[in-house]
Each structure stands twice: as structure tokens, then as C-alpha cells.
Amino acid sequence: MTIKGLNGEANSAAAAHKPAHFKLENLIRPNILSLEPYRCARDDYQSGILLDANENSLGHSLPPKSVIPHNPGTSNGATPVQSNEADDPLSLNRYPDPGLFGIKESLAQLRGVPNDAFVFLGVGSDEVLDLVQRVCCRPGKDKILICPPTYGMYSVCAAVNDLEVVKVPLITEGGKFALDVEAVNKKLSEDPDIKITFICSPGNPTGTLIPPTDVKKVLDNPDYKGLVVVDEAYIDFAEEEKAMGKRAQDDVVSAVSLVHEYQNVMVTQTLSKAFGLAAIRLGIAFAQPALVQIMNNTKAPYNISSPTAHLASLALSPQGIAQMRENVQTLIRNRDQLMADLKTVPGTGAILGANEANFVLVQILDLQTRSKPDNDVAQMVYKRMAEEMGLVVRNRAKDLGCAGCLRVTVGTEAENKRCIELMKGLLDGSK
């Protein structure tokens, strides 16, 4: 198989050979495998007098003295392109340098993959989730598999790409939300049209980590010739529990570890959650270089903007990573206190899931007997808090295994206390 643009030297670090039954060229749509990728103007030259890309040579049109971040230089050490505007150190009138301030290298180092050829960047994880469906699945013919309750965008992307969605529910009894490995593998063995299996870990809205050992059992299924995509938007909350003594230091929580062994796995992450950069829309995928190159060949040119890359480079600096970890540990402590306080609210039931993300899934009980989850009461609490009291949570009561449940994102201490106060007032039966 020849993949256009694949860096042989970078690819030589790909030691993965498992599983023997998986061949990437058999999974990727033939038109994608053979396409000639668009070559951007900045792929060859990033500095000098640039008259090659039909950019606006007079500079941007932002008002004078608009605030733009400090000059980060360029990723390859070249002299930055000089702008006619003194207040434009990011050269906003120019298309982004493909080097993107070295953020791929920083991510490779942070997550422990050999080099930046293992890293793909997208406009949020949602672009990654959509793109992987486009490169692997034939519209109107192929299928994806999901494990509800789970993130809704897998199905949205499937609808856009005209793919059937096969559902194998998580084991929901007692709020466990575990992967039903046996049922997943049975379905994959029965249906060769399933080309991608999506596993959310920690899950949304479940907050429960799927152990990489369970993922391996799916990867090793000899009948399954497709790809497993593990969505790890919340993984840093589980990772930081090690530093806090909540997990054994040798506990492997991220499926990125499997990228070193397996060709048929892709792990998606984001800067939106733990890094607190939802507004910049930067999603990440870790996979073998061949698959990453195919994704790069297929994506839109310049999908990551210079401002996004610059802000990401600051977040991925040693100081930024230290700040992220400090913030995550604070949120974990706030989460523990929120869970303790929710248990004191009359009218709340069980807190479901393993609570390994930055939210809590709590049952709201009926007002009469306070003995069973009640979707109507959950809707009342959700709606009144949002519309009358200015505090918004998420109603997940209609999701499988989540009867009567509200999903509460962990806030600041003050925000969490306010949430508890409002829920007590609405559930005490007097209002």
C-alpha cells in the first residue's frame, strides 16, 4: 500500500503490528486511498516576501490597537513574515504555517507517542469523528457501532454520512455503565459492514472509564476488520487521580497506550475540557502514521487557524500543562464535595457511574414516595433552575439507564453550593 505523503522515516517508529487480521488498505475507501491531497501554499515556504497564495498584502482589517497575542516566532526557526501592521505578530493576513507552533510535537511528548506523525489535529473532536467516518465508511452501505448511553455526535455524523448506526448498550445495571465486551464482539463478528466502533472513555453522560484491557478484547476480535475509535475527551480527570492517590500509579487509564501495539485503534482527545480551551476548537487524534496521513490527505486545507495553534502552544508549554493539572485536581476535589452535598439533598437518589470526569450524574426522585427516579421531576428541576434561577444543568433523563437523571458539570465551590441550594429548595416539597 502506498499512501501519498507518508513520511517513511517517521513511520519507521510505528512498531505496531497487531492484530494480524487487520489491513488498513482494506478498510479505507478506495477513492480516499488514491486521492491526490491538496497541496497548500504554505507547505513549501513559510517566510520571505510571499506572493504565492493570493493573500491580502496590506494586512488585516481589525481596528487599530486590537489586542493580538505576543509574537511566538515560527515553528521551524525561520524569520517570521513581516506584516505591514505593527499590531499583527500572528500575521493574520497569511495562511497558517503547517508547523502550527510545534503543537503536534508537544502533544506527542505529552501523551508518549514516538513523534508528531502519530498526531492528527481537527477543528474540535467533532471534525475528527466526522472525518474518520468519511474515510472508512461507504455512504449508504457501511455501519458504525456505538454503546449507548453515549455522546450524541457519533450518530449525528453517521446521519450526515448516510451510515447505519448499530447499538450495543453498555451494561447499565446499578449505574455500572461497563462495556459489554461479549455483546460487542458478537455483533462485530456477525456484521462485516460495521467499519468503526466508537467507545467513549470516560463516558458521556456516564462519567465511567472503559479500561484499555476491555478495548484490547475488541481490537483482538479476529472477525472484526474495522477500526476502534476511543473518545477520551475527559481522560485527564482520570489521569490526575493518580497524582491525588485515588488510583494506583501503574493503573493504565488511557487507550493511547494501545497505539504502540495496534494498527486498528484511534484515540481522540481535546483541549476543550481539562485544558479549558473549548472556544479555540482543537481536537486531537492519536493513531498509526499511515492512518494519520490518510486523515491529513482528506481534511480541508488550513483547518487549524494560527490563533488556535498559538493559544494551544501556550497551553501545551510546561507552565500551561502544570496549570491544567492544578485546575483538574481542584475540579476533582470540587467534584467530591459536590457528590457529598448532593447526597444531603432530599429528593435526590443514586449518583450513577464511576465519576471519573468533570461532571456528576444524579437521579432525581418522585416527590411523593421519594423511592424511584422521576423524569418529570427531573425536567421540572432542570427547567426552573435554568429559566427562573439562572443555573443550567443538563437533563439526561431520556438516555438509556439514566432515568430521572440530571448531569451536573463540576463548577467552582460557589457555583456548586448555589446548585445544591436551588435543588434543595425545589425538592423540599414546598415550592
Protein backbone atom coordinates (compact mmCIF):
# COMPACT_ATOMS: atom_id res chain seq x y z
CA MET A 1 0.00 0.00 0.00
CA THR A 2 1.31 3.43 -0.96
CA ILE A 3 -0.11 6.35 1.00
CA LYS A 4 0.64 9.69 -0.57
CA GLY A 5 2.60 11.98 1.72
CA LEU A 6 3.52 9.33 4.30
CA ASN A 7 6.88 10.11 5.89
CA GLY A 8 8.85 6.89 5.78
CA GLU A 9 11.29 7.93 8.49
CA ALA A 10 8.54 8.99 10.87
CA ASN A 11 6.56 5.87 10.02
CA SER A 12 9.53 3.69 10.91
CA ALA A 13 8.78 4.44 14.56
CA ALA A 14 5.46 2.62 14.15
CA ALA A 15 6.15 -0.64 15.90
CA ALA A 16 2.51 -1.70 15.94
CA HIS A 17 1.82 -4.95 14.15
CA LYS A 18 -1.28 -6.18 15.95
CA PRO A 19 -3.70 -7.54 15.06
CA ALA A 20 -2.63 -9.78 12.19
CA HIS A 21 -6.15 -9.85 10.76
CA PHE A 22 -6.29 -6.05 10.19
CA LYS A 23 -5.20 -4.42 6.92
CA LEU A 24 -5.66 -0.67 6.69
CA GLU A 25 -5.88 -0.67 2.90
CA ASN A 26 -8.91 -2.95 3.12
CA LEU A 27 -10.71 -0.54 5.44
CA ILE A 28 -10.14 2.83 3.77
CA ARG A 29 -12.49 3.73 0.92
CA PRO A 30 -10.59 3.23 -2.37
CA ASN A 31 -11.29 6.79 -3.57
CA ILE A 32 -9.79 8.15 -0.33
CA LEU A 33 -6.78 5.86 -0.53
CA SER A 34 -5.98 7.00 -4.06
CA LEU A 35 -6.79 10.70 -3.79
CA GLU A 36 -4.17 13.31 -4.53
CA PRO A 37 -4.16 15.60 -1.47
CA TYR A 38 -4.48 19.33 -1.93
CA ARG A 39 -1.10 20.98 -1.59
CA CYS A 40 -1.25 24.22 0.39
CA ALA A 41 0.81 27.28 -0.45
CA ARG A 42 2.46 27.14 2.98
CA ASP A 43 3.55 23.50 2.66
CA ASP A 44 6.77 24.57 0.92
CA TYR A 45 7.65 28.08 2.13
CA GLN A 46 6.62 29.95 5.27
CA SER A 47 8.84 33.05 5.18
CA GLY A 48 10.07 35.75 2.87
CA ILE A 49 8.10 38.01 0.53
CA LEU A 50 5.09 35.82 -0.04
CA LEU A 51 3.29 36.50 -3.32
CA ASP A 52 2.12 32.92 -3.87
CA ALA A 53 -1.20 32.46 -2.05
CA ASN A 54 -3.33 35.45 -3.10
CA GLU A 55 -3.30 36.78 0.46
CA ASN A 56 -4.02 40.41 1.31
CA SER A 57 -0.56 42.02 1.28
CA LEU A 58 -1.81 45.13 3.15
CA GLY A 59 -2.63 43.20 6.31
CA HIS A 60 -5.76 42.56 8.34
CA SER A 61 -8.76 44.84 8.78
CA LEU A 62 -9.07 44.78 12.55
CA PRO A 63 -9.43 48.18 14.20
CA PRO A 64 -6.19 49.86 15.33
CA LYS A 65 -4.78 48.70 18.68
CA SER A 66 -6.79 45.46 18.61
CA VAL A 67 -5.23 43.03 21.08
CA ILE A 68 -3.37 40.17 19.45
CA PRO A 69 -1.15 37.69 21.37
CA HIS A 70 2.60 38.25 21.55
CA ASN A 71 4.83 37.11 18.72
CA PRO A 72 5.57 33.37 19.10
CA GLY A 73 8.01 33.22 16.17
CA THR A 74 7.79 30.30 13.79
CA SER A 75 7.95 26.59 14.40
CA ASN A 76 10.87 26.00 12.03
CA GLY A 77 13.14 28.77 13.28
CA ALA A 78 12.71 30.90 10.16
CA THR A 79 12.35 34.66 10.40
CA PRO A 80 8.66 35.50 10.84
CA VAL A 81 6.96 37.12 7.88
CA GLN A 82 6.90 40.88 8.42
CA SER A 83 3.44 42.40 8.47
CA ASN A 84 2.60 45.93 7.43
CA GLU A 85 0.66 46.18 10.67
CA ALA A 86 2.77 46.55 13.81
CA ASP A 87 -0.05 45.06 15.87
CA ASP A 88 -0.19 41.80 13.87
CA PRO A 89 2.52 39.50 15.21
CA LEU A 90 0.49 36.43 14.16
CA SER A 91 0.39 37.63 10.53
CA LEU A 92 -3.33 37.13 10.35
CA ASN A 93 -3.39 38.06 6.69
CA ARG A 94 -1.29 34.95 5.95
CA TYR A 95 -2.45 31.34 5.80
CA PRO A 96 -1.26 29.31 8.81
CA ASP A 97 2.22 27.80 8.87
CA PRO A 98 1.69 23.99 8.77
CA GLY A 99 4.14 23.75 11.68
CA LEU A 100 1.45 25.25 13.94
CA PHE A 101 3.94 26.41 16.58
CA GLY A 102 5.06 22.86 17.31
CA ILE A 103 1.84 21.73 18.98
CA LYS A 104 1.91 18.28 17.36
CA GLU A 105 5.37 17.67 18.81
CA SER A 106 4.18 18.88 22.22
CA LEU A 107 1.18 16.56 22.11
CA ALA A 108 3.33 13.61 21.06
CA GLN A 109 5.60 14.22 24.03
CA LEU A 110 2.70 14.77 26.46
CA ARG A 111 0.93 11.54 25.51
CA GLY A 112 4.01 9.40 24.90
CA VAL A 113 3.79 8.57 21.19
CA PRO A 114 7.02 8.36 19.19
CA ASN A 115 6.67 11.52 17.07
CA ASP A 116 4.26 14.01 15.55
CA ALA A 117 3.40 11.64 12.69
CA PHE A 118 1.15 9.88 15.22
CA VAL A 119 -0.86 13.09 15.82
CA PHE A 120 -3.79 14.47 13.85
CA LEU A 121 -5.42 17.84 14.59
CA GLY A 122 -9.01 18.77 13.89
CA VAL A 123 -11.49 21.56 14.49
CA GLY A 124 -12.62 20.08 17.78
CA SER A 125 -13.01 16.34 18.24
CA ASP A 126 -16.18 16.56 16.19
CA GLU A 127 -14.23 17.13 12.96
CA VAL A 128 -12.10 14.09 13.77
CA LEU A 129 -15.17 11.94 14.45
CA ASP A 130 -16.79 13.01 11.19
CA LEU A 131 -13.63 12.67 9.12
CA VAL A 132 -12.82 9.14 10.26
CA GLN A 133 -16.31 8.08 9.21
CA ARG A 134 -15.81 9.67 5.80
CA VAL A 135 -12.51 7.91 5.12
CA CYS A 136 -13.57 4.46 6.34
CA CYS A 137 -17.26 4.12 5.52
CA ARG A 138 -19.16 3.95 2.24
CA PRO A 139 -22.32 6.09 2.36
CA GLY A 140 -25.50 4.04 2.21
CA LYS A 141 -23.61 0.76 2.70
CA ASP A 142 -21.48 0.69 5.82
CA LYS A 143 -22.28 0.98 9.52
CA ILE A 144 -20.85 2.21 12.80
CA LEU A 145 -21.34 0.69 16.24
CA ILE A 146 -21.97 2.74 19.37
CA CYS A 147 -22.60 1.81 23.00
CA PRO A 148 -25.42 3.91 24.50
CA PRO A 149 -25.78 5.90 26.61
CA THR A 150 -23.02 7.80 24.84
CA TYR A 151 -22.03 11.00 23.05
CA GLY A 152 -24.66 12.00 20.51
CA MET A 153 -22.32 13.27 17.79
CA TYR A 154 -21.37 9.76 16.68
CA SER A 155 -24.92 9.28 15.44
CA VAL A 156 -25.20 12.80 14.03
CA CYS A 157 -22.05 12.29 11.95
CA ALA A 158 -23.37 8.90 10.83
CA ALA A 159 -26.62 10.50 9.65
CA VAL A 160 -24.69 13.15 7.71
CA ASN A 161 -22.54 10.43 6.11
CA ASP A 162 -25.56 8.17 5.40
CA LEU A 163 -24.38 5.36 7.66
CA GLU A 164 -26.47 2.96 9.70
CA VAL A 165 -25.93 3.02 13.48
CA VAL A 166 -25.76 -0.31 15.31
CA LYS A 167 -26.32 -0.04 19.05
CA VAL A 168 -24.90 -2.36 21.71
CA PRO A 169 -25.84 -0.84 25.10
CA LEU A 170 -23.44 -0.53 27.98
CA ILE A 171 -24.12 -2.71 30.99
CA THR A 172 -26.26 -0.19 32.87
CA GLU A 173 -27.48 -2.20 35.86
CA GLY A 174 -26.80 -0.33 39.09
CA GLY A 175 -25.30 2.57 37.19
CA LYS A 176 -22.28 0.46 36.25
CA PHE A 177 -22.01 1.65 32.61
CA ALA A 178 -19.45 -1.02 31.67
CA LEU A 179 -18.63 -2.09 28.12
CA ASP A 180 -20.45 -5.30 27.22
CA VAL A 181 -17.42 -6.80 25.50
CA GLU A 182 -19.07 -10.11 24.73
CA ALA A 183 -22.10 -8.48 23.10
CA VAL A 184 -19.95 -6.00 21.14
CA ASN A 185 -17.72 -8.74 19.77
CA LYS A 186 -20.71 -10.91 18.91
CA LYS A 187 -22.26 -8.09 16.89
CA LEU A 188 -18.96 -7.28 15.18
CA SER A 189 -18.45 -10.92 14.24
CA GLU A 190 -21.95 -11.15 12.80
CA ASP A 191 -21.91 -7.98 10.71
CA PRO A 192 -18.94 -7.29 8.39
CA ASP A 193 -20.47 -3.95 7.32
CA ILE A 194 -19.59 -2.39 10.69
CA LYS A 195 -16.43 -0.43 9.94
CA ILE A 196 -15.99 1.71 13.09
CA THR A 197 -16.72 1.02 16.76
CA PHE A 198 -16.94 4.11 18.98
CA ILE A 199 -16.09 3.75 22.67
CA CYS A 200 -16.37 6.81 24.93
CA SER A 201 -13.99 6.70 27.92
CA PRO A 202 -14.71 8.23 30.39
CA GLY A 203 -18.21 8.13 29.01
CA ASN A 204 -20.61 10.99 28.41
CA PRO A 205 -23.04 11.12 30.20
CA THR A 206 -21.82 8.16 32.26
CA GLY A 207 -18.51 9.51 33.60
CA THR A 208 -17.15 5.96 33.66
CA LEU A 209 -13.75 4.89 32.32
CA ILE A 210 -13.61 1.91 29.96
CA PRO A 211 -10.39 0.06 30.83
CA PRO A 212 -7.92 -0.33 27.95
CA THR A 213 -7.95 -4.05 28.72
CA ASP A 214 -11.60 -4.14 27.57
CA VAL A 215 -10.73 -2.17 24.43
CA LYS A 216 -7.99 -4.72 23.63
CA LYS A 217 -10.55 -7.51 23.63
CA VAL A 218 -12.40 -5.74 20.82
CA LEU A 219 -9.19 -4.95 18.92
CA ASP A 220 -8.21 -8.62 19.07
CA ASN A 221 -11.52 -9.90 17.68
CA PRO A 222 -10.31 -11.89 14.64
CA ASP A 223 -13.62 -11.44 12.82
CA TYR A 224 -13.57 -7.63 13.00
CA LYS A 225 -11.70 -5.92 10.19
CA GLY A 226 -12.65 -2.38 11.20
CA LEU A 227 -11.39 0.42 13.41
CA VAL A 228 -11.96 1.13 17.11
CA VAL A 229 -12.16 4.82 17.99
CA VAL A 230 -11.77 5.58 21.71
CA ASP A 231 -13.07 9.05 22.58
CA GLU A 232 -11.09 10.35 25.57
CA ALA A 233 -12.35 13.93 25.93
CA TYR A 234 -12.26 13.62 29.74
CA ILE A 235 -9.18 11.43 30.16
CA ASP A 236 -7.11 13.93 32.15
CA PHE A 237 -9.55 13.77 35.04
CA ALA A 238 -8.89 10.03 35.35
CA GLU A 239 -5.15 10.55 34.83
CA GLU A 240 -4.85 13.16 37.57
CA GLU A 241 -6.48 10.84 40.07
CA LYS A 242 -3.14 9.03 40.14
CA ALA A 243 -1.36 12.15 41.38
CA MET A 244 -4.02 12.51 44.07
CA GLY A 245 -3.63 8.94 45.29
CA LYS A 246 -7.07 7.88 44.05
CA ARG A 247 -5.55 5.34 41.66
CA ALA A 248 -2.54 3.07 41.67
CA GLN A 249 0.42 4.67 39.92
CA ASP A 250 0.67 1.75 37.49
CA ASP A 251 -3.03 1.93 36.57
CA VAL A 252 -3.26 2.45 32.78
CA VAL A 253 -6.29 4.60 32.02
CA SER A 254 -5.67 5.95 28.51
CA ALA A 255 -6.03 3.88 25.37
CA VAL A 256 -3.20 5.91 23.78
CA SER A 257 -1.01 3.16 25.24
CA LEU A 258 -2.61 0.80 22.70
CA VAL A 259 -1.47 2.90 19.74
CA HIS A 260 2.00 1.47 20.33
CA GLU A 261 0.70 -2.06 19.78
CA TYR A 262 -2.31 -1.90 17.49
CA GLN A 263 -2.93 -0.66 13.97
CA ASN A 264 -6.72 -0.69 14.29
CA VAL A 265 -7.16 1.87 17.08
CA MET A 266 -7.55 5.64 17.05
CA VAL A 267 -7.78 7.69 20.25
CA THR A 268 -9.39 11.13 20.18
CA GLN A 269 -8.80 13.85 22.76
CA THR A 270 -9.42 17.59 23.04
CA LEU A 271 -8.23 20.79 24.67
CA SER A 272 -11.84 21.73 25.48
CA LYS A 273 -12.20 20.00 28.85
CA ALA A 274 -9.16 19.67 31.13
CA PHE A 275 -7.28 22.47 29.36
CA GLY A 276 -10.32 24.75 29.49
CA LEU A 277 -10.00 25.85 25.85
CA ALA A 278 -13.40 24.93 24.41
CA ALA A 279 -13.57 28.19 22.44
CA ILE A 280 -10.46 27.54 20.33
CA ARG A 281 -11.89 24.26 18.93
CA LEU A 282 -8.86 22.00 18.87
CA GLY A 283 -9.40 18.26 18.69
CA ILE A 284 -6.69 15.61 18.58
CA ALA A 285 -6.36 12.05 17.35
CA PHE A 286 -3.55 9.61 18.07
CA ALA A 287 -3.10 6.74 15.65
CA GLN A 288 -0.54 4.97 13.49
CA PRO A 289 1.14 7.33 10.95
CA ALA A 290 -0.49 5.65 7.93
CA LEU A 291 -3.98 6.40 9.23
CA VAL A 292 -2.98 9.91 10.35
CA GLN A 293 -1.61 10.63 6.87
CA ILE A 294 -4.83 9.46 5.24
CA MET A 295 -6.76 11.81 7.53
CA ASN A 296 -4.39 14.65 6.63
CA ASN A 297 -4.82 13.92 2.94
CA THR A 298 -8.59 14.15 3.30
CA LYS A 299 -9.13 17.09 5.66
CA ALA A 300 -9.77 20.64 4.48
CA PRO A 301 -6.63 22.75 3.97
CA TYR A 302 -5.62 25.04 6.85
CA ASN A 303 -8.23 23.54 9.17
CA ILE A 304 -6.35 24.80 12.26
CA SER A 305 -6.08 28.59 12.48
CA SER A 306 -2.99 30.50 13.63
CA PRO A 307 -4.76 31.97 16.71
CA THR A 308 -5.95 28.50 17.72
CA ALA A 309 -2.48 27.00 17.27
CA HIS A 310 -0.83 29.85 19.15
CA LEU A 311 -3.14 29.54 22.15
CA ALA A 312 -2.72 25.77 22.11
CA SER A 313 1.07 26.17 22.11
CA LEU A 314 0.82 28.24 25.30
CA ALA A 315 -1.44 25.66 26.95
CA LEU A 316 0.96 22.85 25.99
CA SER A 317 4.02 24.60 27.39
CA PRO A 318 5.38 23.23 30.69
CA GLN A 319 3.71 26.10 32.57
CA GLY A 320 0.42 25.50 30.76
CA ILE A 321 0.42 21.77 31.47
CA ALA A 322 1.20 22.44 35.14
CA GLN A 323 -1.74 24.86 35.28
CA MET A 324 -4.03 22.31 33.65
CA ARG A 325 -3.08 19.66 36.18
CA GLU A 326 -3.59 22.03 39.09
CA ASN A 327 -7.01 23.02 37.76
CA VAL A 328 -8.03 19.40 37.17
CA GLN A 329 -7.09 18.42 40.70
CA THR A 330 -9.13 21.34 42.04
CA LEU A 331 -12.11 20.22 39.98
CA ILE A 332 -11.73 16.65 41.26
CA ARG A 333 -11.84 17.94 44.85
CA ASN A 334 -14.86 20.08 43.97
CA ARG A 335 -16.47 17.03 42.37
CA ASP A 336 -16.00 15.00 45.55
CA GLN A 337 -17.61 17.76 47.62
CA LEU A 338 -20.45 18.15 45.12
CA MET A 339 -21.19 14.44 45.33
CA ALA A 340 -21.19 14.55 49.12
CA ASP A 341 -23.52 17.55 49.12
CA LEU A 342 -25.92 16.01 46.59
CA LYS A 343 -26.42 13.10 48.96
CA THR A 344 -27.80 15.54 51.54
CA VAL A 345 -30.50 16.86 49.20
CA PRO A 346 -33.92 15.34 49.95
CA GLY A 347 -35.30 14.04 46.70
CA THR A 348 -32.05 13.01 45.07
CA GLY A 349 -31.27 9.35 44.54
CA ALA A 350 -28.17 7.49 43.47
CA ILE A 351 -25.18 9.11 41.85
CA LEU A 352 -24.57 6.88 38.86
CA GLY A 353 -21.36 5.89 37.12
CA ALA A 354 -17.80 5.85 38.38
CA ASN A 355 -17.48 9.67 38.34
CA GLU A 356 -14.15 9.85 36.53
CA ALA A 357 -14.84 13.03 34.52
CA ASN A 358 -15.80 16.62 35.40
CA PHE A 359 -19.50 16.02 35.92
CA VAL A 360 -21.89 14.08 38.13
CA LEU A 361 -24.94 12.10 37.00
CA VAL A 362 -27.54 12.21 39.77
CA GLN A 363 -31.03 10.73 39.97
CA ILE A 364 -34.00 12.94 40.85
CA LEU A 365 -36.75 11.05 42.66
CA ASP A 366 -40.53 11.36 42.65
CA LEU A 367 -41.88 13.91 45.13
CA GLN A 368 -44.46 11.64 46.74
CA THR A 369 -42.63 8.50 47.80
CA ARG A 370 -39.03 9.54 47.02
CA SER A 371 -38.45 5.93 46.02
CA LYS A 372 -37.92 5.94 42.26
CA PRO A 373 -36.34 8.13 39.57
CA ASP A 374 -38.84 10.53 38.02
CA ASN A 375 -38.31 12.09 34.60
CA ASP A 376 -40.99 14.73 35.15
CA VAL A 377 -39.47 15.95 38.38
CA ALA A 378 -36.02 15.99 36.78
CA GLN A 379 -37.43 18.12 33.95
CA MET A 380 -39.06 20.47 36.45
CA VAL A 381 -35.81 20.99 38.36
CA TYR A 382 -33.84 21.45 35.15
CA LYS A 383 -36.28 23.92 33.62
CA ARG A 384 -36.95 26.03 36.72
CA MET A 385 -33.30 26.34 37.66
CA ALA A 386 -32.44 27.45 34.12
CA GLU A 387 -35.33 29.79 33.46
CA GLU A 388 -36.06 31.22 36.89
CA MET A 389 -32.82 30.94 38.81
CA GLY A 390 -30.05 31.32 36.25
CA LEU A 391 -28.31 27.99 36.80
CA VAL A 392 -28.18 25.49 33.94
CA VAL A 393 -27.54 21.75 34.21
CA ARG A 394 -28.29 19.06 31.59
CA ASN A 395 -31.33 16.82 31.59
CA ARG A 396 -30.27 13.30 30.54
CA ALA A 397 -33.35 11.53 31.87
CA LYS A 398 -34.26 10.06 28.47
CA ASP A 399 -30.91 8.35 27.96
CA LEU A 400 -30.66 4.60 28.40
CA GLY A 401 -30.02 3.70 32.04
CA CYS A 402 -30.33 7.35 33.12
CA ALA A 403 -33.96 7.57 34.21
CA GLY A 404 -34.61 10.75 36.20
CA CYS A 405 -31.00 11.88 35.83
CA LEU A 406 -29.53 15.35 35.67
CA ARG A 407 -25.93 15.78 34.61
CA VAL A 408 -24.25 18.48 36.68
CA THR A 409 -20.92 19.85 35.48
CA VAL A 410 -18.49 20.46 38.34
CA GLY A 411 -18.21 24.20 38.91
CA THR A 412 -16.42 26.43 41.35
CA GLU A 413 -17.09 25.96 45.06
CA ALA A 414 -19.56 28.85 44.98
CA GLU A 415 -21.32 27.57 41.86
CA ASN A 416 -21.67 24.08 43.30
CA LYS A 417 -23.08 25.45 46.58
CA ARG A 418 -25.60 27.51 44.65
CA CYS A 419 -26.68 24.43 42.70
CA ILE A 420 -27.22 22.48 45.92
CA GLU A 421 -29.24 25.35 47.44
CA LEU A 422 -31.52 25.57 44.44
CA MET A 423 -32.08 21.82 44.23
CA LYS A 424 -32.94 21.66 47.94
CA GLY A 425 -35.43 24.46 47.51
CA LEU A 426 -37.13 22.82 44.53
CA LEU A 427 -37.21 19.32 46.00
CA ASP A 428 -38.27 20.04 49.58
CA GLY A 429 -41.90 19.80 48.51
CA SER A 430 -42.87 23.32 49.49
CA LYS A 431 -42.20 25.10 46.19
